């Protein structure tokens, strides 16, 4: 039996001090999920995604303690399929 592969993408939107109401938060979440699904469909093979799950959380924390990452170009090897041994 084949092992299912899971691709997890996490987005965090750091927001300022302005009050943001729930309908705007929900709309932003739905827009981000829809954009991610469309982008993935453009890159993955037809029929390769069997399910998409999404969730939204809301928390308060000091933004300065979060990790920040530089925008880095990554080159992926496309020679082997996921799950196949690399030779």
C-alpha atoms as a PDB file:
ATOM      1  CA  UNK A   1       0.000   0.000   0.000  1.00  0.00           C
ATOM      2  CA  UNK A   2       1.373   3.394  -0.964  1.00  0.00           C
ATOM      3  CA  UNK A   3       2.166   5.901   1.751  1.00  0.00           C
ATOM      4  CA  UNK A   4       0.318   9.185   1.383  1.00  0.00           C
ATOM      5  CA  UNK A   5       2.522  12.248   1.238  1.00  0.00           C
ATOM      6  CA  UNK A   6       1.436  15.428   3.018  1.00  0.00           C
ATOM      7  CA  UNK A   7       2.520  18.902   1.908  1.00  0.00           C
ATOM      8  CA  UNK A   8       2.003  21.459   4.679  1.00  0.00           C
ATOM      9  CA  UNK A   9       2.215  25.183   3.962  1.00  0.00           C
ATOM     10  CA  UNK A  10       2.039  27.645   6.860  1.00  0.00           C
ATOM     11  CA  UNK A  11       1.352  31.344   6.385  1.00  0.00           C
ATOM     12  CA  UNK A  12       1.400  33.913   9.161  1.00  0.00           C
ATOM     13  CA  UNK A  13       0.103  37.406   8.653  1.00  0.00           C
ATOM     14  CA  UNK A  14       1.505  39.807  11.215  1.00  0.00           C
ATOM     15  CA  UNK A  15      -0.955  42.645  11.694  1.00  0.00           C
ATOM     16  CA  UNK A  16      -0.560  46.047  13.257  1.00  0.00           C
ATOM     17  CA  UNK A  17      -2.436  47.630  16.121  1.00  0.00           C
ATOM     18  CA  UNK A  18      -5.573  48.462  14.147  1.00  0.00           C
ATOM     19  CA  UNK A  19      -8.722  46.638  15.118  1.00  0.00           C
ATOM     20  CA  UNK A  20      -9.652  44.054  12.489  1.00  0.00           C
ATOM     21  CA  UNK A  21     -13.119  42.532  12.602  1.00  0.00           C
ATOM     22  CA  UNK A  22     -13.896  38.845  12.125  1.00  0.00           C
ATOM     23  CA  UNK A  23     -15.454  39.117   8.628  1.00  0.00           C
ATOM     24  CA  UNK A  24     -12.245  40.664   7.252  1.00  0.00           C
ATOM     25  CA  UNK A  25     -10.108  38.012   8.943  1.00  0.00           C
ATOM     26  CA  UNK A  26     -12.293  35.239   7.511  1.00  0.00           C
ATOM     27  CA  UNK A  27     -12.188  36.795   4.028  1.00  0.00           C
ATOM     28  CA  UNK A  28      -8.387  37.106   4.164  1.00  0.00           C
ATOM     29  CA  UNK A  29      -8.098  33.475   5.297  1.00  0.00           C
ATOM     30  CA  UNK A  30     -10.349  32.218   2.508  1.00  0.00           C
ATOM     31  CA  UNK A  31      -8.464  34.290  -0.081  1.00  0.00           C
ATOM     32  CA  UNK A  32      -5.116  32.878   1.108  1.00  0.00           C
ATOM     33  CA  UNK A  33      -6.397  29.282   1.016  1.00  0.00           C
ATOM     34  CA  UNK A  34      -7.901  29.731  -2.456  1.00  0.00           C
ATOM     35  CA  UNK A  35      -4.706  31.325  -3.791  1.00  0.00           C
ATOM     36  CA  UNK A  36      -2.594  28.493  -2.361  1.00  0.00           C
ATOM     37  CA  UNK A  37      -4.846  25.837  -3.899  1.00  0.00           C
ATOM     38  CA  UNK A  38      -4.763  27.507  -7.325  1.00  0.00           C
ATOM     39  CA  UNK A  39      -0.973  27.859  -7.184  1.00  0.00           C
ATOM     40  CA  UNK A  40      -0.561  24.205  -6.181  1.00  0.00           C
ATOM     41  CA  UNK A  41      -2.872  23.044  -8.988  1.00  0.00           C
ATOM     42  CA  UNK A  42      -0.618  24.872 -11.436  1.00  0.00           C
ATOM     43  CA  UNK A  43       2.457  23.001 -10.203  1.00  0.00           C
ATOM     44  CA  UNK A  44       1.250  19.512  -9.270  1.00  0.00           C
ATOM     45  CA  UNK A  45       0.180  16.748 -11.630  1.00  0.00           C
ATOM     46  CA  UNK A  46      -3.537  16.393 -12.365  1.00  0.00           C
ATOM     47  CA  UNK A  47      -5.171  14.061  -9.864  1.00  0.00           C
ATOM     48  CA  UNK A  48      -2.216  14.071  -7.485  1.00  0.00           C
ATOM     49  CA  UNK A  49      -4.109  15.866  -4.693  1.00  0.00           C
ATOM     50  CA  UNK A  50      -6.781  13.743  -3.027  1.00  0.00           C
ATOM     51  CA  UNK A  51      -7.801  16.167  -0.248  1.00  0.00           C
ATOM     52  CA  UNK A  52      -7.077  19.670   0.989  1.00  0.00           C
ATOM     53  CA  UNK A  53      -7.548  20.596   4.643  1.00  0.00           C
ATOM     54  CA  UNK A  54      -7.163  24.076   6.034  1.00  0.00           C
ATOM     55  CA  UNK A  55      -7.504  25.685   9.423  1.00  0.00           C
ATOM     56  CA  UNK A  56      -7.237  29.123  10.877  1.00  0.00           C
ATOM     57  CA  UNK A  57      -5.954  30.020  14.314  1.00  0.00           C
ATOM     58  CA  UNK A  58      -5.748  33.355  16.021  1.00  0.00           C
ATOM     59  CA  UNK A  59      -3.306  34.196  18.753  1.00  0.00           C
ATOM     60  CA  UNK A  60      -1.563  37.075  20.400  1.00  0.00           C
ATOM     61  CA  UNK A  61       2.190  37.018  20.939  1.00  0.00           C
ATOM     62  CA  UNK A  62       5.129  39.316  20.710  1.00  0.00           C
ATOM     63  CA  UNK A  63       5.940  39.521  17.009  1.00  0.00           C
ATOM     64  CA  UNK A  64       9.628  40.088  17.755  1.00  0.00           C
ATOM     65  CA  UNK A  65       9.920  36.551  19.130  1.00  0.00           C
ATOM     66  CA  UNK A  66       8.742  34.926  15.886  1.00  0.00           C
ATOM     67  CA  UNK A  67      11.247  33.512  13.432  1.00  0.00           C
ATOM     68  CA  UNK A  68      11.677  35.473  10.228  1.00  0.00           C
ATOM     69  CA  UNK A  69      13.033  34.003   7.031  1.00  0.00           C
ATOM     70  CA  UNK A  70      14.751  35.622   4.095  1.00  0.00           C
ATOM     71  CA  UNK A  71      13.304  35.221   0.627  1.00  0.00           C
ATOM     72  CA  UNK A  72      15.640  32.572  -0.760  1.00  0.00           C
ATOM     73  CA  UNK A  73      15.632  31.001  -4.215  1.00  0.00           C
ATOM     74  CA  UNK A  74      15.770  27.239  -3.843  1.00  0.00           C
ATOM     75  CA  UNK A  75      16.574  24.912  -6.706  1.00  0.00           C
ATOM     76  CA  UNK A  76      14.775  21.589  -6.510  1.00  0.00           C
ATOM     77  CA  UNK A  77      15.970  18.376  -8.071  1.00  0.00           C
ATOM     78  CA  UNK A  78      13.298  17.128 -10.413  1.00  0.00           C
ATOM     79  CA  UNK A  79      15.010  13.914 -11.415  1.00  0.00           C
ATOM     80  CA  UNK A  80      13.323  11.619  -8.889  1.00  0.00           C
ATOM     81  CA  UNK A  81       9.738  11.275  -7.741  1.00  0.00           C
ATOM     82  CA  UNK A  82       8.867  11.783  -4.084  1.00  0.00           C
ATOM     83  CA  UNK A  83       9.333   8.479  -2.312  1.00  0.00           C
ATOM     84  CA  UNK A  84      11.770   7.052  -4.863  1.00  0.00           C
ATOM     85  CA  UNK A  85      15.347   6.473  -3.754  1.00  0.00           C
ATOM     86  CA  UNK A  86      17.859   8.977  -5.132  1.00  0.00           C
ATOM     87  CA  UNK A  87      20.701   7.317  -7.013  1.00  0.00           C
END
